Amino acid sequence: MAITINGTPVDPPADPRVSLLDLMRDRLHLTGTKVGCNQGACGACTVLIDGQRVLSCLTLAVQAEGRTVTTIEGLGADGLHPLQQAFLEHDGFQCGYCTPGQICAASAMLEEVAAGMPSYVTRDLAAPARLTREEVRERMSGNLCRCGAHNGIIDAIMAVAEEQAA
C-alpha cells in the first residue's frame, strides 16, 4: 500500500526500519523537512500525517502506509501558505532551520484549536478554545528555535489565527 506524500503516491521502503524522515530526505529528496536531534526532542522534522503533527524522525515510513503525509513543500504547493507568509512578515525565523517544522506544527496546532482541543494551560475547558500567546507557547513547546525567534513565531501564528477567526 502506498504512502501519499504531498499528493504523490510513494511505495514504502523494503526495509521496515527506515524512518519517514529518511525516506523523504534520502529517497525522495524532499529536504524541506530537517534533521535536528534525530531523537524527537527538537521538532525540526515535524510533518503532518492525515493532518496531525508527527515527528518524522521517530515515525517509521511503514506507519504511514495508506495515509497522507504533508511536508513543508506540500503546504506551500500552490503558493505560500498563510503561515509561511506570516513567518516572513513577522520575522518568525533567523537561520530558518527549524522553520519548516515550526510551520507544519503550527498548521496542525491551529486545527487542534479550531476543533476545541485543550492544552495544558487551557483555563476553561467548557468554553470555546481561545488562542492566547500563552496557549501558543504551550502548544508549540515541542518545536525548538535555537536562534531565539520565538516572539516572531508567536506573532506569526497569532496573526494567522486572528485572520482565520475574522
N, C-alpha and C. Protein backbone atom coordinates (compact mmCIF):
# COMPACT_ATOMS: atom_id res chain seq x y z
N MET A 1 0.85 -1.17 0.00
CA MET A 1 0.00 0.00 0.00
C MET A 1 0.90 1.24 0.00
N ALA A 2 0.57 2.19 -0.83
CA ALA A 2 1.39 3.38 -0.99
C ALA A 2 1.20 4.39 0.14
N ILE A 3 2.19 5.24 0.27
CA ILE A 3 2.13 6.40 1.15
C ILE A 3 1.92 7.60 0.22
N THR A 4 0.97 8.44 0.51
CA THR A 4 0.77 9.63 -0.31
C THR A 4 1.53 10.77 0.36
N ILE A 5 2.55 11.25 -0.32
CA ILE A 5 3.37 12.34 0.21
C ILE A 5 3.21 13.55 -0.70
N ASN A 6 2.63 14.60 -0.14
CA ASN A 6 2.36 15.83 -0.89
C ASN A 6 1.59 15.54 -2.18
N GLY A 7 0.64 14.62 -2.09
CA GLY A 7 -0.22 14.30 -3.22
C GLY A 7 0.30 13.25 -4.17
N THR A 8 1.52 12.77 -3.95
CA THR A 8 2.12 11.78 -4.83
C THR A 8 2.22 10.43 -4.13
N PRO A 9 1.68 9.36 -4.74
CA PRO A 9 1.81 8.04 -4.13
C PRO A 9 3.27 7.57 -4.20
N VAL A 10 3.74 7.05 -3.08
CA VAL A 10 5.12 6.58 -2.97
C VAL A 10 5.10 5.18 -2.37
N ASP A 11 5.86 4.28 -2.96
CA ASP A 11 5.96 2.95 -2.39
C ASP A 11 6.76 3.02 -1.10
N PRO A 12 6.32 2.29 -0.09
CA PRO A 12 7.09 2.27 1.16
C PRO A 12 8.42 1.56 0.93
N PRO A 13 9.41 1.86 1.74
CA PRO A 13 10.71 1.20 1.56
C PRO A 13 10.61 -0.29 1.88
N ALA A 14 11.48 -1.06 1.25
CA ALA A 14 11.51 -2.51 1.50
C ALA A 14 11.95 -2.81 2.93
N ASP A 15 12.81 -1.97 3.47
CA ASP A 15 13.30 -2.15 4.84
C ASP A 15 12.33 -1.46 5.81
N PRO A 16 11.64 -2.21 6.66
CA PRO A 16 10.66 -1.61 7.56
C PRO A 16 11.27 -0.73 8.65
N ARG A 17 12.59 -0.70 8.75
CA ARG A 17 13.25 0.11 9.79
C ARG A 17 13.53 1.54 9.35
N VAL A 18 13.23 1.88 8.10
CA VAL A 18 13.52 3.21 7.58
C VAL A 18 12.52 4.21 8.15
N SER A 19 13.05 5.30 8.68
CA SER A 19 12.15 6.34 9.22
C SER A 19 11.51 7.11 8.08
N LEU A 20 10.39 7.72 8.39
CA LEU A 20 9.71 8.57 7.41
C LEU A 20 10.63 9.72 7.00
N LEU A 21 11.36 10.27 7.95
CA LEU A 21 12.31 11.35 7.66
C LEU A 21 13.35 10.91 6.64
N ASP A 22 13.95 9.75 6.86
CA ASP A 22 14.97 9.26 5.92
C ASP A 22 14.38 8.96 4.56
N LEU A 23 13.18 8.40 4.52
CA LEU A 23 12.53 8.15 3.23
C LEU A 23 12.36 9.45 2.46
N MET A 24 11.84 10.47 3.13
CA MET A 24 11.58 11.73 2.45
C MET A 24 12.86 12.42 1.99
N ARG A 25 13.84 12.48 2.86
CA ARG A 25 15.06 13.22 2.53
C ARG A 25 15.99 12.44 1.60
N ASP A 26 16.23 11.15 1.91
CA ASP A 26 17.24 10.40 1.17
C ASP A 26 16.73 9.81 -0.15
N ARG A 27 15.48 9.32 -0.13
CA ARG A 27 14.96 8.67 -1.34
C ARG A 27 14.17 9.63 -2.22
N LEU A 28 13.40 10.51 -1.59
CA LEU A 28 12.54 11.40 -2.37
C LEU A 28 13.13 12.80 -2.56
N HIS A 29 14.23 13.09 -1.88
CA HIS A 29 14.92 14.37 -1.97
C HIS A 29 14.03 15.55 -1.58
N LEU A 30 13.13 15.30 -0.63
CA LEU A 30 12.32 16.36 -0.04
C LEU A 30 13.08 16.86 1.18
N THR A 31 13.94 17.83 0.97
CA THR A 31 14.86 18.26 2.02
C THR A 31 14.33 19.42 2.85
N GLY A 32 13.08 19.82 2.64
CA GLY A 32 12.50 20.87 3.47
C GLY A 32 12.37 20.44 4.91
N THR A 33 12.02 19.19 5.13
CA THR A 33 11.94 18.64 6.48
C THR A 33 13.36 18.44 6.98
N LYS A 34 13.67 18.99 8.12
CA LYS A 34 15.05 19.00 8.60
C LYS A 34 15.34 17.89 9.61
N VAL A 35 16.60 17.47 9.64
CA VAL A 35 17.10 16.55 10.65
C VAL A 35 17.68 17.43 11.74
N GLY A 36 17.07 17.37 12.91
CA GLY A 36 17.59 18.15 14.03
C GLY A 36 18.34 17.22 14.97
N CYS A 37 17.68 16.82 16.02
CA CYS A 37 18.31 15.96 17.02
C CYS A 37 18.23 14.49 16.64
N ASN A 38 17.30 14.13 15.75
CA ASN A 38 17.05 12.75 15.34
C ASN A 38 16.66 11.87 16.52
N GLN A 39 16.11 12.50 17.57
CA GLN A 39 15.68 11.78 18.77
C GLN A 39 14.29 12.23 19.23
N GLY A 40 13.62 13.07 18.47
CA GLY A 40 12.28 13.51 18.82
C GLY A 40 12.20 14.62 19.84
N ALA A 41 13.29 15.32 20.07
CA ALA A 41 13.30 16.35 21.11
C ALA A 41 13.20 17.78 20.59
N CYS A 42 13.43 17.99 19.28
CA CYS A 42 13.51 19.38 18.82
C CYS A 42 12.37 19.82 17.92
N GLY A 43 11.71 18.92 17.23
CA GLY A 43 10.59 19.27 16.37
C GLY A 43 10.96 19.72 14.97
N ALA A 44 12.24 19.76 14.63
CA ALA A 44 12.65 20.22 13.30
C ALA A 44 12.10 19.34 12.19
N CYS A 45 11.82 18.08 12.49
CA CYS A 45 11.35 17.12 11.49
C CYS A 45 9.83 16.99 11.45
N THR A 46 9.10 17.90 12.06
CA THR A 46 7.65 17.80 12.13
C THR A 46 7.02 17.86 10.75
N VAL A 47 6.15 16.89 10.48
CA VAL A 47 5.33 16.86 9.27
C VAL A 47 3.91 16.52 9.70
N LEU A 48 3.00 16.50 8.75
CA LEU A 48 1.60 16.17 9.05
C LEU A 48 1.27 14.81 8.44
N ILE A 49 0.66 13.96 9.23
CA ILE A 49 0.10 12.71 8.71
C ILE A 49 -1.40 12.78 8.96
N ASP A 50 -2.13 12.76 7.86
CA ASP A 50 -3.59 12.93 7.93
C ASP A 50 -3.97 14.15 8.76
N GLY A 51 -3.18 15.22 8.62
CA GLY A 51 -3.46 16.49 9.29
C GLY A 51 -2.94 16.61 10.70
N GLN A 52 -2.40 15.54 11.26
CA GLN A 52 -1.88 15.59 12.63
C GLN A 52 -0.36 15.68 12.60
N ARG A 53 0.18 16.48 13.50
CA ARG A 53 1.64 16.65 13.52
C ARG A 53 2.31 15.43 14.12
N VAL A 54 3.39 15.04 13.47
CA VAL A 54 4.20 13.91 13.94
C VAL A 54 5.67 14.26 13.75
N LEU A 55 6.50 13.61 14.53
CA LEU A 55 7.95 13.74 14.40
C LEU A 55 8.40 12.66 13.43
N SER A 56 8.82 13.07 12.25
CA SER A 56 9.14 12.09 11.21
C SER A 56 10.40 11.28 11.52
N CYS A 57 11.25 11.79 12.42
CA CYS A 57 12.44 11.02 12.79
C CYS A 57 12.09 9.82 13.66
N LEU A 58 10.95 9.88 14.35
CA LEU A 58 10.51 8.79 15.22
C LEU A 58 9.42 7.94 14.60
N THR A 59 9.01 8.29 13.39
CA THR A 59 7.93 7.58 12.71
C THR A 59 8.52 6.70 11.63
N LEU A 60 8.23 5.42 11.69
CA LEU A 60 8.67 4.53 10.62
C LEU A 60 7.85 4.82 9.37
N ALA A 61 8.49 4.75 8.22
CA ALA A 61 7.78 5.01 6.97
C ALA A 61 6.60 4.06 6.81
N VAL A 62 6.76 2.81 7.23
CA VAL A 62 5.66 1.84 7.08
C VAL A 62 4.45 2.23 7.91
N GLN A 63 4.62 3.05 8.95
CA GLN A 63 3.48 3.51 9.74
C GLN A 63 2.61 4.48 8.96
N ALA A 64 3.14 5.02 7.88
CA ALA A 64 2.40 5.98 7.07
C ALA A 64 1.74 5.32 5.86
N GLU A 65 1.87 4.02 5.73
CA GLU A 65 1.24 3.33 4.60
C GLU A 65 -0.26 3.57 4.59
N GLY A 66 -0.79 3.92 3.41
CA GLY A 66 -2.21 4.17 3.28
C GLY A 66 -2.66 5.51 3.83
N ARG A 67 -1.72 6.33 4.22
CA ARG A 67 -2.05 7.61 4.83
C ARG A 67 -1.49 8.75 3.98
N THR A 68 -1.86 9.96 4.35
CA THR A 68 -1.42 11.15 3.61
C THR A 68 -0.44 11.94 4.45
N VAL A 69 0.74 12.16 3.90
CA VAL A 69 1.80 12.93 4.56
C VAL A 69 1.92 14.28 3.84
N THR A 70 1.99 15.34 4.64
CA THR A 70 2.20 16.67 4.09
C THR A 70 3.45 17.25 4.73
N THR A 71 4.37 17.69 3.89
CA THR A 71 5.60 18.32 4.35
C THR A 71 5.49 19.82 4.09
N ILE A 72 6.53 20.55 4.43
CA ILE A 72 6.54 21.99 4.17
C ILE A 72 6.39 22.26 2.68
N GLU A 73 6.96 21.38 1.84
CA GLU A 73 6.81 21.56 0.40
C GLU A 73 5.34 21.41 -0.02
N GLY A 74 4.62 20.51 0.64
CA GLY A 74 3.21 20.29 0.32
C GLY A 74 2.32 21.42 0.82
N LEU A 75 2.68 22.01 1.95
CA LEU A 75 1.88 23.14 2.46
C LEU A 75 1.93 24.32 1.50
N GLY A 76 3.08 24.53 0.90
CA GLY A 76 3.25 25.67 0.00
C GLY A 76 3.19 25.30 -1.46
N ALA A 77 2.52 24.20 -1.79
CA ALA A 77 2.49 23.72 -3.17
C ALA A 77 1.80 24.70 -4.12
N ASP A 78 0.81 25.42 -3.66
CA ASP A 78 0.05 26.33 -4.51
C ASP A 78 0.35 27.79 -4.18
N GLY A 79 1.58 28.10 -3.88
CA GLY A 79 1.95 29.43 -3.42
C GLY A 79 2.15 29.38 -1.91
N LEU A 80 2.52 30.48 -1.33
CA LEU A 80 2.81 30.50 0.09
C LEU A 80 1.57 30.19 0.93
N HIS A 81 1.73 29.30 1.87
CA HIS A 81 0.70 29.02 2.86
C HIS A 81 0.59 30.26 3.74
N PRO A 82 -0.58 30.57 4.30
CA PRO A 82 -0.70 31.76 5.17
C PRO A 82 0.34 31.79 6.30
N LEU A 83 0.69 30.64 6.85
CA LEU A 83 1.72 30.64 7.90
C LEU A 83 3.10 30.97 7.34
N GLN A 84 3.39 30.49 6.14
CA GLN A 84 4.68 30.83 5.53
C GLN A 84 4.76 32.34 5.32
N GLN A 85 3.69 32.93 4.82
CA GLN A 85 3.66 34.38 4.60
C GLN A 85 3.79 35.13 5.92
N ALA A 86 3.09 34.65 6.95
CA ALA A 86 3.15 35.31 8.26
C ALA A 86 4.54 35.22 8.88
N PHE A 87 5.21 34.09 8.70
CA PHE A 87 6.57 33.96 9.22
C PHE A 87 7.48 34.99 8.55
N LEU A 88 7.29 35.24 7.27
CA LEU A 88 8.07 36.27 6.58
C LEU A 88 7.75 37.66 7.12
N GLU A 89 6.47 37.95 7.26
CA GLU A 89 6.05 39.29 7.69
C GLU A 89 6.38 39.60 9.14
N HIS A 90 6.45 38.58 9.99
CA HIS A 90 6.66 38.80 11.43
C HIS A 90 8.04 38.35 11.91
N ASP A 91 8.97 38.16 10.98
CA ASP A 91 10.33 37.74 11.33
C ASP A 91 10.30 36.50 12.22
N GLY A 92 9.58 35.48 11.77
CA GLY A 92 9.44 34.24 12.54
C GLY A 92 10.57 33.27 12.33
N PHE A 93 11.69 33.74 11.83
CA PHE A 93 12.85 32.87 11.65
C PHE A 93 14.11 33.71 11.59
N GLN A 94 15.22 33.09 11.93
CA GLN A 94 16.51 33.73 11.72
C GLN A 94 17.32 32.85 10.78
N CYS A 95 17.84 31.74 11.30
CA CYS A 95 18.60 30.86 10.40
C CYS A 95 17.65 30.07 9.51
N GLY A 96 16.42 29.83 9.96
CA GLY A 96 15.42 29.13 9.16
C GLY A 96 15.44 27.62 9.29
N TYR A 97 16.37 27.08 10.05
CA TYR A 97 16.48 25.62 10.12
C TYR A 97 15.24 24.98 10.74
N CYS A 98 14.72 25.56 11.79
CA CYS A 98 13.54 24.99 12.46
C CYS A 98 12.23 25.38 11.80
N THR A 99 12.28 26.33 10.87
CA THR A 99 11.07 26.92 10.31
C THR A 99 10.11 25.92 9.67
N PRO A 100 10.57 24.98 8.84
CA PRO A 100 9.62 24.03 8.26
C PRO A 100 8.85 23.24 9.32
N GLY A 101 9.54 22.78 10.34
CA GLY A 101 8.87 22.05 11.43
C GLY A 101 7.94 22.95 12.22
N GLN A 102 8.36 24.19 12.44
CA GLN A 102 7.52 25.15 13.16
C GLN A 102 6.23 25.40 12.39
N ILE A 103 6.33 25.59 11.09
CA ILE A 103 5.15 25.91 10.28
C ILE A 103 4.22 24.70 10.19
N CYS A 104 4.77 23.51 9.99
CA CYS A 104 3.91 22.31 9.95
C CYS A 104 3.22 22.12 11.30
N ALA A 105 3.96 22.27 12.39
CA ALA A 105 3.36 22.12 13.72
C ALA A 105 2.29 23.17 13.96
N ALA A 106 2.56 24.41 13.56
CA ALA A 106 1.59 25.48 13.76
C ALA A 106 0.32 25.25 12.95
N SER A 107 0.47 24.72 11.76
CA SER A 107 -0.70 24.41 10.93
C SER A 107 -1.61 23.41 11.64
N ALA A 108 -1.03 22.34 12.16
CA ALA A 108 -1.82 21.34 12.89
C ALA A 108 -2.36 21.92 14.19
N MET A 109 -1.56 22.73 14.86
CA MET A 109 -1.98 23.32 16.13
C MET A 109 -3.20 24.20 15.95
N LEU A 110 -3.25 24.97 14.88
CA LEU A 110 -4.41 25.82 14.62
C LEU A 110 -5.66 24.97 14.37
N GLU A 111 -5.49 23.83 13.74
CA GLU A 111 -6.62 22.90 13.54
C GLU A 111 -7.07 22.31 14.87
N GLU A 112 -6.11 22.01 15.75
CA GLU A 112 -6.45 21.48 17.07
C GLU A 112 -7.27 22.50 17.86
N VAL A 113 -6.87 23.75 17.79
CA VAL A 113 -7.60 24.81 18.49
C VAL A 113 -9.01 24.94 17.90
N ALA A 114 -9.09 24.93 16.57
CA ALA A 114 -10.40 25.05 15.91
C ALA A 114 -11.32 23.89 16.30
N ALA A 115 -10.74 22.72 16.56
CA ALA A 115 -11.53 21.55 16.96
C ALA A 115 -11.87 21.57 18.46
N GLY A 116 -11.36 22.58 19.17
CA GLY A 116 -11.66 22.71 20.59
C GLY A 116 -10.80 21.87 21.51
N MET A 117 -9.68 21.37 21.01
CA MET A 117 -8.79 20.56 21.85
C MET A 117 -8.07 21.46 22.85
N PRO A 118 -8.14 21.14 24.14
CA PRO A 118 -7.47 21.95 25.15
C PRO A 118 -5.97 21.64 25.21
N SER A 119 -5.25 22.52 25.85
CA SER A 119 -3.83 22.28 26.12
C SER A 119 -3.64 22.24 27.63
N TYR A 120 -2.43 22.07 28.05
CA TYR A 120 -2.11 22.03 29.47
C TYR A 120 -2.48 23.33 30.18
N VAL A 121 -2.42 24.45 29.46
CA VAL A 121 -2.69 25.75 30.10
C VAL A 121 -4.09 26.28 29.83
N THR A 122 -4.93 25.51 29.14
CA THR A 122 -6.30 25.96 28.89
C THR A 122 -7.02 26.13 30.22
N ARG A 123 -7.55 27.31 30.45
CA ARG A 123 -8.15 27.62 31.74
C ARG A 123 -9.58 27.11 31.86
N ASP A 124 -10.38 27.28 30.83
CA ASP A 124 -11.79 26.91 30.90
C ASP A 124 -12.08 25.86 29.84
N LEU A 125 -12.23 24.63 30.28
CA LEU A 125 -12.44 23.53 29.33
C LEU A 125 -13.83 23.53 28.74
N ALA A 126 -14.77 24.22 29.35
CA ALA A 126 -16.14 24.25 28.85
C ALA A 126 -16.33 25.33 27.79
N ALA A 127 -15.49 26.35 27.80
CA ALA A 127 -15.62 27.45 26.85
C ALA A 127 -14.94 27.09 25.53
N PRO A 128 -15.33 27.73 24.44
CA PRO A 128 -14.62 27.50 23.17
C PRO A 128 -13.15 27.86 23.32
N ALA A 129 -12.30 27.11 22.65
CA ALA A 129 -10.85 27.36 22.74
C ALA A 129 -10.54 28.77 22.27
N ARG A 130 -9.73 29.46 23.03
CA ARG A 130 -9.31 30.82 22.71
C ARG A 130 -7.79 30.83 22.68
N LEU A 131 -7.24 31.19 21.58
CA LEU A 131 -5.79 31.15 21.42
C LEU A 131 -5.16 32.41 21.98
N THR A 132 -4.32 32.24 22.98
CA THR A 132 -3.56 33.33 23.56
C THR A 132 -2.08 33.07 23.31
N ARG A 133 -1.25 34.06 23.59
CA ARG A 133 0.19 33.86 23.43
C ARG A 133 0.68 32.73 24.34
N GLU A 134 0.11 32.65 25.54
CA GLU A 134 0.48 31.58 26.47
C GLU A 134 0.11 30.22 25.88
N GLU A 135 -1.08 30.14 25.29
CA GLU A 135 -1.53 28.89 24.64
C GLU A 135 -0.59 28.51 23.50
N VAL A 136 -0.22 29.48 22.67
CA VAL A 136 0.68 29.20 21.55
C VAL A 136 2.01 28.68 22.07
N ARG A 137 2.56 29.34 23.09
CA ARG A 137 3.84 28.89 23.65
C ARG A 137 3.75 27.45 24.14
N GLU A 138 2.67 27.12 24.83
CA GLU A 138 2.49 25.76 25.34
C GLU A 138 2.32 24.76 24.20
N ARG A 139 1.45 25.09 23.27
CA ARG A 139 1.14 24.16 22.19
C ARG A 139 2.32 23.96 21.24
N MET A 140 3.21 24.93 21.15
CA MET A 140 4.37 24.84 20.27
C MET A 140 5.65 24.46 21.02
N SER A 141 5.52 24.07 22.27
CA SER A 141 6.71 23.83 23.10
C SER A 141 7.57 22.66 22.60
N GLY A 142 7.04 21.81 21.78
CA GLY A 142 7.83 20.70 21.24
C GLY A 142 8.69 21.08 20.05
N ASN A 143 8.60 22.34 19.62
CA ASN A 143 9.40 22.83 18.50
C ASN A 143 10.35 23.90 19.00
N LEU A 144 11.62 23.58 18.96
CA LEU A 144 12.64 24.48 19.48
C LEU A 144 13.21 25.38 18.40
N CYS A 145 13.53 26.60 18.79
CA CYS A 145 14.25 27.54 17.93
C CYS A 145 15.47 27.99 18.72
N ARG A 146 16.61 27.61 18.26
CA ARG A 146 17.84 27.96 18.99
C ARG A 146 18.31 29.38 18.69
N CYS A 147 17.75 30.02 17.67
CA CYS A 147 18.14 31.39 17.33
C CYS A 147 17.42 32.42 18.19
N GLY A 148 16.33 32.02 18.81
CA GLY A 148 15.59 32.96 19.64
C GLY A 148 14.53 33.74 18.90
N ALA A 149 13.97 33.16 17.83
CA ALA A 149 12.94 33.85 17.06
C ALA A 149 11.54 33.57 17.61
N HIS A 150 11.46 33.13 18.85
CA HIS A 150 10.16 32.73 19.41
C HIS A 150 9.09 33.82 19.34
N ASN A 151 9.46 35.05 19.63
CA ASN A 151 8.46 36.12 19.59
C ASN A 151 7.89 36.31 18.19
N GLY A 152 8.74 36.26 17.18
CA GLY A 152 8.27 36.37 15.80
C GLY A 152 7.42 35.18 15.40
N ILE A 153 7.78 34.00 15.88
CA ILE A 153 7.00 32.79 15.59
C ILE A 153 5.60 32.93 16.20
N ILE A 154 5.54 33.35 17.44
CA ILE A 154 4.25 33.53 18.11
C ILE A 154 3.44 34.62 17.42
N ASP A 155 4.09 35.73 17.06
CA ASP A 155 3.39 36.81 16.35
C ASP A 155 2.80 36.30 15.04
N ALA A 156 3.56 35.50 14.30
CA ALA A 156 3.09 34.96 13.02
C ALA A 156 1.88 34.06 13.21
N ILE A 157 1.96 33.17 14.19
CA ILE A 157 0.86 32.24 14.45
C ILE A 157 -0.38 33.00 14.91
N MET A 158 -0.20 33.96 15.78
CA MET A 158 -1.34 34.76 16.26
C MET A 158 -1.99 35.53 15.12
N ALA A 159 -1.18 36.06 14.21
CA ALA A 159 -1.73 36.81 13.07
C ALA A 159 -2.60 35.91 12.19
N VAL A 160 -2.13 34.69 11.93
CA VAL A 160 -2.91 33.76 11.11
C VAL A 160 -4.17 33.33 11.86
N ALA A 161 -4.04 33.09 13.16
CA ALA A 161 -5.22 32.70 13.96
C ALA A 161 -6.27 33.80 13.95
N GLU A 162 -5.83 35.05 14.08
CA GLU A 162 -6.77 36.18 14.06
C GLU A 162 -7.42 36.32 12.69
N GLU A 163 -6.64 36.11 11.65
CA GLU A 163 -7.16 36.18 10.29
C GLU A 163 -8.21 35.08 10.04
N GLN A 164 -7.95 33.89 10.56
CA GLN A 164 -8.89 32.78 10.40
C GLN A 164 -10.17 33.01 11.20
N ALA A 165 -10.04 33.70 12.33
CA ALA A 165 -11.20 33.96 13.19
C ALA A 165 -12.12 35.04 12.62
N ALA A 166 -11.54 35.88 11.78
CA ALA A 166 -12.31 37.01 11.22
C ALA A 166 -13.31 36.57 10.17
